[in-house]
Every structure is written in structure tokens, then in C-alpha cells.
């Protein structure tokens, strides 16, 4: 009978220790879950910021390309005008030299 009581007491102590460990591990799991949620939120914020920066860089790049295209087209027109002017001068001089 004393042995049964001793075993029951030991079982109760082990049960309490087990409950305490389960509670402690549950608290750790909840803490890690909160940390994971916070890390996910930080990741999403960083991703949004990164994507905004990439979009801004793409806009800047497109603007610069448009500017360079515009300058290039202006230079082409200038060269065409210069060529046409020189051609006209040469044709005029050549016709004057002939006749």
C-alpha cells in the first residue's frame, strides 16, 4: 500500500513536471510564431520598398532613354540639314562652273 502511494506521488510529480515542460514549450512556440509573423511583415515591407525602388529606377532609365532618343533624332535632323545645305552649295557651284 505504501508502495502504491509512493508510485502515485511519483506519478503526480512527473505529471506536473510534464505539464510544466509542455507549458514552457507552448510559450516558446507562441513566441517563435509571433517572431515569425513579425519577420514576415518586415520582409513584406522590405519587398514593397525594393519594388518601389526598382520601379523608380526603371522610370528613370526610360526617361533617360527617351531623352537620348530625342537628342539623337535632333542630331540626325541637324546632320541631314547640314548635308542638304552642302549638297545644294555643291550642286549650285557645279552648275555655275559648267555654264
C-alpha atoms as a PDB file:
ATOM      1  CA  UNK A   1       0.000   0.000   0.000  1.00  0.00           C
ATOM      2  CA  UNK A   2       2.822   2.388   0.838  1.00  0.00           C
ATOM      3  CA  UNK A   3       4.482   1.431  -2.441  1.00  0.00           C
ATOM      4  CA  UNK A   4       1.306   2.331  -4.365  1.00  0.00           C
ATOM      5  CA  UNK A   5       1.103   5.711  -2.617  1.00  0.00           C
ATOM      6  CA  UNK A   6       4.774   6.350  -3.380  1.00  0.00           C
ATOM      7  CA  UNK A   7       4.223   5.469  -7.034  1.00  0.00           C
ATOM      8  CA  UNK A   8       1.144   7.710  -7.196  1.00  0.00           C
ATOM      9  CA  UNK A   9       3.117  10.571  -5.680  1.00  0.00           C
ATOM     10  CA  UNK A  10       5.965   9.981  -8.161  1.00  0.00           C
ATOM     11  CA  UNK A  11       3.436   9.847 -10.997  1.00  0.00           C
ATOM     12  CA  UNK A  12       1.853  13.119  -9.829  1.00  0.00           C
ATOM     13  CA  UNK A  13       5.285  14.798  -9.694  1.00  0.00           C
ATOM     14  CA  UNK A  14       6.152  13.509 -13.186  1.00  0.00           C
ATOM     15  CA  UNK A  15       2.769  14.666 -14.454  1.00  0.00           C
ATOM     16  CA  UNK A  16       3.314  18.165 -13.012  1.00  0.00           C
ATOM     17  CA  UNK A  17       6.844  18.283 -14.482  1.00  0.00           C
ATOM     18  CA  UNK A  18       5.480  17.190 -17.838  1.00  0.00           C
ATOM     19  CA  UNK A  19       2.729  19.845 -17.723  1.00  0.00           C
ATOM     20  CA  UNK A  20       5.299  22.487 -16.818  1.00  0.00           C
ATOM     21  CA  UNK A  21       7.514  21.443 -19.744  1.00  0.00           C
ATOM     22  CA  UNK A  22       4.545  21.410 -22.128  1.00  0.00           C
ATOM     23  CA  UNK A  23       3.507  24.894 -20.953  1.00  0.00           C
ATOM     24  CA  UNK A  24       7.070  26.163 -21.326  1.00  0.00           C
ATOM     25  CA  UNK A  25       7.396  24.700 -24.831  1.00  0.00           C
ATOM     26  CA  UNK A  26       3.980  26.066 -25.783  1.00  0.00           C
ATOM     27  CA  UNK A  27       5.084  29.524 -24.655  1.00  0.00           C
ATOM     28  CA  UNK A  28       8.264  29.192 -26.735  1.00  0.00           C
ATOM     29  CA  UNK A  29       6.234  28.113 -29.772  1.00  0.00           C
ATOM     30  CA  UNK A  30       3.902  31.100 -29.364  1.00  0.00           C
ATOM     31  CA  UNK A  31       6.887  33.442 -29.041  1.00  0.00           C
ATOM     32  CA  UNK A  32       8.514  31.970 -32.155  1.00  0.00           C
ATOM     33  CA  UNK A  33       5.207  32.238 -34.031  1.00  0.00           C
ATOM     34  CA  UNK A  34       5.000  35.937 -33.142  1.00  0.00           C
ATOM     35  CA  UNK A  35       8.630  36.391 -34.223  1.00  0.00           C
ATOM     36  CA  UNK A  36       7.861  34.642 -37.490  1.00  0.00           C
ATOM     37  CA  UNK A  37       4.825  36.895 -38.095  1.00  0.00           C
ATOM     38  CA  UNK A  38       6.950  39.962 -37.374  1.00  0.00           C
ATOM     39  CA  UNK A  39       9.732  38.733 -39.671  1.00  0.00           C
ATOM     40  CA  UNK A  40       7.194  38.091 -42.442  1.00  0.00           C
ATOM     41  CA  UNK A  41       5.801  41.610 -42.015  1.00  0.00           C
ATOM     42  CA  UNK A  42       9.313  43.091 -42.171  1.00  0.00           C
ATOM     43  CA  UNK A  43      10.057  41.029 -45.270  1.00  0.00           C
ATOM     44  CA  UNK A  44       6.881  42.248 -46.982  1.00  0.00           C
ATOM     45  CA  UNK A  45       7.740  45.877 -46.130  1.00  0.00           C
ATOM     46  CA  UNK A  46      11.293  45.446 -47.445  1.00  0.00           C
ATOM     47  CA  UNK A  47       9.976  43.783 -50.600  1.00  0.00           C
ATOM     48  CA  UNK A  48       7.497  46.605 -51.232  1.00  0.00           C
ATOM     49  CA  UNK A  49      10.230  49.179 -50.706  1.00  0.00           C
ATOM     50  CA  UNK A  50      12.586  47.298 -53.016  1.00  0.00           C
ATOM     51  CA  UNK A  51       9.942  47.021 -55.737  1.00  0.00           C
ATOM     52  CA  UNK A  52       9.187  50.746 -55.443  1.00  0.00           C
ATOM     53  CA  UNK A  53      12.907  51.491 -55.813  1.00  0.00           C
ATOM     54  CA  UNK A  54      13.163  49.202 -58.847  1.00  0.00           C
ATOM     55  CA  UNK A  55      10.100  50.873 -60.402  1.00  0.00           C
ATOM     56  CA  UNK A  56      11.667  54.287 -59.796  1.00  0.00           C
ATOM     57  CA  UNK A  57      14.915  53.138 -61.421  1.00  0.00           C
ATOM     58  CA  UNK A  58      13.006  51.761 -64.412  1.00  0.00           C
ATOM     59  CA  UNK A  59      11.162  55.079 -64.762  1.00  0.00           C
ATOM     60  CA  UNK A  60      14.469  56.957 -64.546  1.00  0.00           C
ATOM     61  CA  UNK A  61      16.006  54.638 -67.152  1.00  0.00           C
ATOM     62  CA  UNK A  62      13.043  55.058 -69.516  1.00  0.00           C
ATOM     63  CA  UNK A  63      13.188  58.828 -69.111  1.00  0.00           C
ATOM     64  CA  UNK A  64      16.902  58.868 -69.888  1.00  0.00           C
ATOM     65  CA  UNK A  65      16.392  56.636 -72.956  1.00  0.00           C
ATOM     66  CA  UNK A  66      13.641  58.961 -74.236  1.00  0.00           C
ATOM     67  CA  UNK A  67      15.931  61.954 -73.699  1.00  0.00           C
ATOM     68  CA  UNK A  68      18.799  60.253 -75.543  1.00  0.00           C
ATOM     69  CA  UNK A  69      16.483  59.245 -78.403  1.00  0.00           C
ATOM     70  CA  UNK A  70      15.256  62.812 -78.669  1.00  0.00           C
ATOM     71  CA  UNK A  71      18.822  64.158 -78.741  1.00  0.00           C
ATOM     72  CA  UNK A  72      19.805  61.527 -81.300  1.00  0.00           C
ATOM     73  CA  UNK A  73      16.887  62.418 -83.578  1.00  0.00           C
ATOM     74  CA  UNK A  74      17.735  66.128 -83.252  1.00  0.00           C
ATOM     75  CA  UNK A  75      21.356  65.391 -84.215  1.00  0.00           C
ATOM     76  CA  UNK A  76      20.174  63.347 -87.211  1.00  0.00           C
ATOM     77  CA  UNK A  77      17.989  66.251 -88.358  1.00  0.00           C
ATOM     78  CA  UNK A  78      20.925  68.630 -87.937  1.00  0.00           C
ATOM     79  CA  UNK A  79      23.184  66.353 -89.970  1.00  0.00           C
ATOM     80  CA  UNK A  80      20.523  65.981 -92.674  1.00  0.00           C
ATOM     81  CA  UNK A  81      20.074  69.762 -92.807  1.00  0.00           C
ATOM     82  CA  UNK A  82      23.857  70.275 -92.986  1.00  0.00           C
ATOM     83  CA  UNK A  83      24.138  67.626 -95.698  1.00  0.00           C
ATOM     84  CA  UNK A  84      21.318  69.182 -97.698  1.00  0.00           C
ATOM     85  CA  UNK A  85      22.898  72.632 -97.386  1.00  0.00           C
ATOM     86  CA  UNK A  86      26.305  71.333 -98.524  1.00  0.00           C
ATOM     87  CA  UNK A  87      24.699  69.364-101.370  1.00  0.00           C
ATOM     88  CA  UNK A  88      22.816  72.413-102.563  1.00  0.00           C
ATOM     89  CA  UNK A  89      26.021  74.506-102.429  1.00  0.00           C
ATOM     90  CA  UNK A  90      27.975  71.866-104.366  1.00  0.00           C
ATOM     91  CA  UNK A  91      25.248  71.462-106.990  1.00  0.00           C
ATOM     92  CA  UNK A  92      24.989  75.251-107.355  1.00  0.00           C
ATOM     93  CA  UNK A  93      28.776  75.646-107.694  1.00  0.00           C
ATOM     94  CA  UNK A  94      28.978  72.744-110.110  1.00  0.00           C
ATOM     95  CA  UNK A  95      26.180  74.181-112.269  1.00  0.00           C
ATOM     96  CA  UNK A  96      27.868  77.599-112.210  1.00  0.00           C
ATOM     97  CA  UNK A  97      31.182  76.107-113.193  1.00  0.00           C
ATOM     98  CA  UNK A  98      29.560  74.233-116.108  1.00  0.00           C
ATOM     99  CA  UNK A  99      27.646  77.046-117.578  1.00  0.00           C
END
